[in-house]
N, C-alpha and C. Protein backbone atom coordinates (compact mmCIF):
# COMPACT_ATOMS: atom_id res chain seq x y z
N MET A 1 19.68 -9.12 17.64
CA MET A 1 19.81 -7.56 17.42
C MET A 1 21.19 -7.25 18.01
N LYS A 2 22.11 -8.14 18.60
CA LYS A 2 23.48 -7.67 18.58
C LYS A 2 24.02 -7.32 17.43
N LEU A 3 24.00 -8.09 16.37
CA LEU A 3 24.67 -7.79 15.18
C LEU A 3 24.22 -6.38 14.68
N LEU A 4 22.99 -6.06 14.73
CA LEU A 4 22.46 -4.88 14.24
C LEU A 4 23.08 -3.73 15.03
N TYR A 5 23.28 -3.84 16.51
CA TYR A 5 23.97 -3.08 17.28
C TYR A 5 25.32 -2.82 16.70
N LEU A 6 26.02 -3.93 16.47
CA LEU A 6 27.52 -4.02 16.01
C LEU A 6 27.61 -2.97 14.61
N LEU A 7 26.66 -3.52 13.88
CA LEU A 7 26.66 -2.64 12.56
C LEU A 7 26.50 -1.15 12.62
N ASP A 8 25.44 -0.72 13.38
CA ASP A 8 24.98 0.56 13.68
C ASP A 8 26.14 1.29 14.28
N PHE A 9 26.70 0.73 15.34
CA PHE A 9 27.64 1.42 16.24
C PHE A 9 29.14 1.56 15.36
N GLU A 10 29.35 0.68 14.71
CA GLU A 10 30.84 0.57 13.81
C GLU A 10 30.42 1.82 12.67
N HIS A 11 29.29 1.36 11.93
CA HIS A 11 29.03 2.52 10.87
C HIS A 11 29.09 4.10 11.62
N PHE A 12 28.40 4.15 12.62
CA PHE A 12 28.41 5.47 13.15
C PHE A 12 29.95 5.92 13.68
N ARG A 13 30.64 5.05 14.15
CA ARG A 13 32.13 5.44 14.42
C ARG A 13 32.79 5.98 13.12
N GLN A 14 32.77 5.10 12.08
CA GLN A 14 33.23 5.48 11.03
C GLN A 14 32.74 6.74 10.04
N THR A 15 31.38 6.93 10.22
CA THR A 15 30.83 7.92 9.34
C THR A 15 30.11 9.07 10.02
N GLY A 16 29.63 8.97 11.34
CA GLY A 16 28.87 9.83 12.13
C GLY A 16 27.29 9.48 11.91
N TYR A 17 26.91 8.56 11.26
CA TYR A 17 25.64 8.05 10.75
C TYR A 17 25.39 6.76 11.25
N SER A 18 24.35 6.39 11.74
CA SER A 18 24.04 4.88 11.95
C SER A 18 23.22 4.26 10.61
N VAL A 19 23.35 3.13 10.39
CA VAL A 19 22.74 2.47 9.40
C VAL A 19 21.16 2.48 9.32
N THR A 20 20.80 2.28 10.56
CA THR A 20 19.14 2.16 10.76
C THR A 20 18.52 3.42 11.06
N GLY A 21 19.28 4.43 11.73
CA GLY A 21 18.71 5.64 12.39
C GLY A 21 17.90 5.21 13.57
N MET A 22 17.99 3.98 14.27
CA MET A 22 17.11 3.72 15.37
C MET A 22 17.95 4.32 16.72
N GLU A 23 17.24 4.53 17.63
CA GLU A 23 17.58 5.05 18.90
C GLU A 23 17.83 3.56 19.93
N TYR A 24 19.07 3.79 20.40
CA TYR A 24 19.34 2.56 21.27
C TYR A 24 19.39 2.88 22.67
N HIS A 25 18.84 1.92 23.61
CA HIS A 25 18.79 2.16 25.04
C HIS A 25 19.76 1.23 25.82
N ALA A 26 20.31 1.52 26.73
CA ALA A 26 21.12 0.63 27.54
C ALA A 26 20.30 -0.22 28.45
N TRP A 27 20.39 -1.54 28.28
CA TRP A 27 19.50 -2.74 28.83
C TRP A 27 20.69 -3.60 29.42
N LYS A 28 19.96 -4.38 30.30
CA LYS A 28 20.93 -5.37 31.05
C LYS A 28 21.91 -6.18 30.01
N MET A 29 21.57 -6.52 28.99
CA MET A 29 22.26 -7.63 28.14
C MET A 29 22.98 -6.68 26.99
N GLY A 30 22.80 -5.38 26.99
CA GLY A 30 23.56 -4.53 25.96
C GLY A 30 22.45 -3.53 25.47
N PRO A 31 22.99 -2.70 24.49
CA PRO A 31 22.12 -1.69 23.66
C PRO A 31 21.11 -2.40 22.97
N VAL A 32 19.85 -1.93 23.01
CA VAL A 32 18.70 -2.54 22.42
C VAL A 32 17.93 -1.13 21.60
N PRO A 33 17.63 -1.31 20.27
CA PRO A 33 16.83 -0.49 19.77
C PRO A 33 15.37 -0.72 19.97
N THR A 34 14.71 -0.01 20.83
CA THR A 34 13.50 -0.25 21.52
C THR A 34 12.27 -0.26 20.57
N ASP A 35 12.42 0.50 19.51
CA ASP A 35 11.13 0.40 18.51
C ASP A 35 11.23 -0.98 17.90
N LEU A 36 12.57 -1.49 17.60
CA LEU A 36 12.64 -2.83 16.97
C LEU A 36 12.24 -3.87 17.88
N PHE A 37 12.64 -3.66 19.00
CA PHE A 37 12.31 -4.68 20.25
C PHE A 37 10.74 -4.82 20.33
N GLU A 38 9.97 -3.61 20.47
CA GLU A 38 8.63 -3.37 20.51
C GLU A 38 7.89 -4.18 19.12
N GLU A 39 8.23 -3.78 18.02
CA GLU A 39 8.00 -4.52 16.89
C GLU A 39 8.13 -5.95 16.86
N TRP A 40 9.13 -6.45 17.51
CA TRP A 40 9.53 -7.94 17.61
C TRP A 40 8.61 -8.38 18.41
N GLU A 41 8.16 -7.99 19.71
CA GLU A 41 7.39 -8.56 20.51
C GLU A 41 5.90 -8.53 20.07
N ALA A 42 5.40 -7.97 19.12
CA ALA A 42 4.01 -7.94 18.44
C ALA A 42 4.17 -7.73 17.14
N LEU A 43 4.39 -8.62 16.18
CA LEU A 43 4.71 -8.50 14.95
C LEU A 43 3.10 -8.27 14.20
N GLU A 44 3.40 -7.46 13.25
CA GLU A 44 2.43 -7.42 12.30
C GLU A 44 2.04 -8.42 11.40
N PRO A 45 0.90 -8.70 11.03
CA PRO A 45 0.46 -10.12 10.38
C PRO A 45 1.53 -10.35 9.10
N ASP A 46 1.83 -9.33 8.28
CA ASP A 46 2.72 -9.59 7.05
C ASP A 46 4.27 -9.77 7.58
N LEU A 47 4.54 -9.22 8.72
CA LEU A 47 5.92 -9.84 8.95
C LEU A 47 5.93 -11.04 9.71
N ALA A 48 4.91 -11.36 10.35
CA ALA A 48 4.77 -12.77 11.21
C ALA A 48 4.63 -13.64 9.88
N ALA A 49 3.95 -13.55 8.94
CA ALA A 49 3.86 -14.56 7.88
C ALA A 49 5.18 -14.73 7.11
N ALA A 50 6.24 -13.69 7.21
CA ALA A 50 7.34 -13.85 6.25
C ALA A 50 8.61 -14.31 7.27
N ILE A 51 8.42 -14.38 8.36
CA ILE A 51 9.61 -14.87 9.20
C ILE A 51 9.12 -15.82 10.27
N ASP A 52 10.27 -16.60 10.67
CA ASP A 52 10.02 -17.64 11.63
C ASP A 52 10.78 -17.49 12.71
N ILE A 53 10.25 -17.11 14.12
CA ILE A 53 11.13 -16.72 15.27
C ILE A 53 11.09 -17.95 16.24
N LYS A 54 12.24 -18.37 16.57
CA LYS A 54 12.45 -19.53 17.71
C LYS A 54 13.19 -19.12 18.74
N PRO A 55 12.49 -18.62 19.87
CA PRO A 55 13.29 -18.43 21.00
C PRO A 55 13.91 -19.57 21.77
N SER A 56 14.94 -19.37 22.37
CA SER A 56 15.64 -20.47 23.37
C SER A 56 16.07 -19.95 24.42
N ALA A 57 16.58 -20.71 25.34
CA ALA A 57 17.03 -20.29 26.69
C ALA A 57 18.05 -19.06 26.54
N SER A 58 18.98 -19.20 25.63
CA SER A 58 20.08 -18.10 25.71
C SER A 58 19.89 -17.28 24.58
N SER A 59 19.09 -17.42 23.47
CA SER A 59 18.93 -16.52 22.22
C SER A 59 17.66 -16.80 21.33
N THR A 60 17.56 -16.03 20.44
CA THR A 60 16.54 -16.06 19.51
C THR A 60 16.88 -16.43 18.13
N THR A 61 16.51 -17.19 17.35
CA THR A 61 16.87 -17.48 15.92
C THR A 61 15.58 -16.73 15.14
N CYS A 62 15.93 -16.31 14.00
CA CYS A 62 15.08 -15.75 13.03
C CYS A 62 15.41 -16.18 11.61
N ALA A 63 14.48 -16.64 10.89
CA ALA A 63 14.70 -17.11 9.65
C ALA A 63 13.47 -16.62 8.78
N SER A 64 13.71 -16.33 7.54
CA SER A 64 12.95 -16.07 6.37
C SER A 64 12.13 -17.48 6.13
N VAL A 65 10.61 -17.41 6.01
CA VAL A 65 9.98 -18.47 5.63
C VAL A 65 9.57 -18.64 4.14
N ARG A 66 9.85 -17.53 3.55
CA ARG A 66 9.39 -17.29 2.22
C ARG A 66 10.65 -16.43 1.42
N CYS A 67 10.49 -16.42 0.12
CA CYS A 67 11.28 -15.65 -0.67
C CYS A 67 11.20 -14.30 -0.31
N PRO A 68 12.43 -13.52 -0.22
CA PRO A 68 12.64 -12.15 0.38
C PRO A 68 12.07 -11.35 -0.96
N ASN A 69 12.11 -11.88 -2.14
CA ASN A 69 11.41 -10.89 -3.36
C ASN A 69 10.05 -11.29 -3.58
N ALA A 70 9.25 -10.16 -2.77
CA ALA A 70 7.72 -10.41 -2.97
C ALA A 70 7.25 -10.36 -4.26
N ASN A 71 7.81 -9.57 -5.25
CA ASN A 71 7.28 -9.57 -6.62
C ASN A 71 7.84 -10.82 -7.46
N SER A 72 8.41 -11.76 -6.97
CA SER A 72 8.87 -12.71 -7.75
C SER A 72 7.69 -13.78 -7.93
N ALA A 73 7.51 -14.38 -9.23
CA ALA A 73 6.69 -15.38 -9.63
C ALA A 73 7.07 -16.63 -8.92
N PRO A 74 6.20 -17.57 -8.56
CA PRO A 74 6.44 -18.93 -8.04
C PRO A 74 7.34 -19.76 -8.96
N SER A 75 8.24 -20.55 -8.47
CA SER A 75 9.11 -21.27 -9.32
C SER A 75 8.19 -22.47 -9.88
N THR A 76 8.26 -22.79 -11.16
CA THR A 76 7.51 -23.84 -11.87
C THR A 76 8.23 -25.06 -11.81
N SER A 77 9.38 -25.18 -11.83
CA SER A 77 10.09 -26.56 -11.96
C SER A 77 10.67 -26.92 -10.76
N PRO A 78 10.76 -28.29 -10.40
CA PRO A 78 11.21 -28.72 -9.15
C PRO A 78 12.77 -28.42 -8.78
N GLY A 79 12.92 -27.89 -7.63
CA GLY A 79 14.34 -27.36 -7.24
C GLY A 79 14.77 -26.02 -7.82
N ALA A 80 13.95 -25.45 -8.61
CA ALA A 80 14.26 -24.21 -9.13
C ALA A 80 13.90 -22.95 -8.25
N SER A 81 14.72 -21.97 -8.22
CA SER A 81 14.38 -20.71 -7.25
C SER A 81 14.75 -19.62 -8.11
N CYS A 82 14.14 -18.48 -7.47
CA CYS A 82 14.33 -17.20 -8.23
C CYS A 82 15.76 -16.67 -7.97
N ALA A 83 16.11 -15.61 -8.72
CA ALA A 83 17.50 -15.21 -8.44
C ALA A 83 17.77 -14.66 -6.96
N SER A 84 16.81 -14.11 -6.26
CA SER A 84 16.90 -13.51 -4.94
C SER A 84 17.29 -14.85 -3.99
N CYS A 85 16.37 -15.94 -4.23
CA CYS A 85 16.57 -17.03 -3.47
C CYS A 85 17.91 -17.62 -3.45
N ARG A 86 18.43 -17.55 -4.70
CA ARG A 86 19.78 -18.18 -4.99
C ARG A 86 20.92 -17.68 -4.40
N SER A 87 20.54 -16.18 -4.13
CA SER A 87 21.68 -15.36 -3.54
C SER A 87 21.65 -15.27 -1.91
N TRP A 88 20.47 -15.75 -1.40
CA TRP A 88 20.41 -15.96 0.17
C TRP A 88 20.87 -17.31 0.70
N PRO A 89 21.64 -17.35 1.68
CA PRO A 89 22.02 -18.50 2.35
C PRO A 89 20.84 -19.48 2.87
N ARG A 90 20.81 -20.71 2.48
CA ARG A 90 19.72 -21.65 2.82
C ARG A 90 19.35 -21.62 4.25
N ALA A 91 20.39 -21.33 4.95
CA ALA A 91 20.01 -21.21 6.47
C ALA A 91 19.19 -20.31 6.90
N PHE A 92 18.98 -19.35 5.98
CA PHE A 92 18.06 -18.15 6.38
C PHE A 92 16.79 -18.15 5.69
N MET A 93 16.34 -19.24 5.00
CA MET A 93 15.12 -19.27 4.07
C MET A 93 14.71 -20.73 4.04
N THR A 94 13.49 -21.03 4.37
CA THR A 94 13.01 -22.42 4.25
C THR A 94 12.32 -22.59 2.81
N THR A 95 11.69 -21.71 2.22
CA THR A 95 11.06 -21.95 0.99
C THR A 95 11.32 -21.01 -0.04
N CYS A 96 11.19 -21.11 -1.28
CA CYS A 96 11.32 -20.20 -2.46
C CYS A 96 9.94 -19.70 -2.74
N CYS A 97 9.84 -18.63 -3.15
CA CYS A 97 8.64 -17.95 -3.61
C CYS A 97 7.80 -19.04 -4.38
């Protein structure tokens, strides 16, 4: 969430508008978009199926578990991936459509 905060605040500083349009609240560890935090704590089934969240003592890691292109047909040949998957860093995705 810190990267989202940095993106939003820098864009707001430059343009007068945030990227997300979310409202931030001052919390102990820094500004937090509370609507996103509440969504994060109780994921809807579709989002829960699409991402893998791994909390640790000091941070939380989030990765996509499937292709970000929901309309993509599954790859038919071994090692092949759709154009969306090829453009995403492998660190953020575990499988292609």
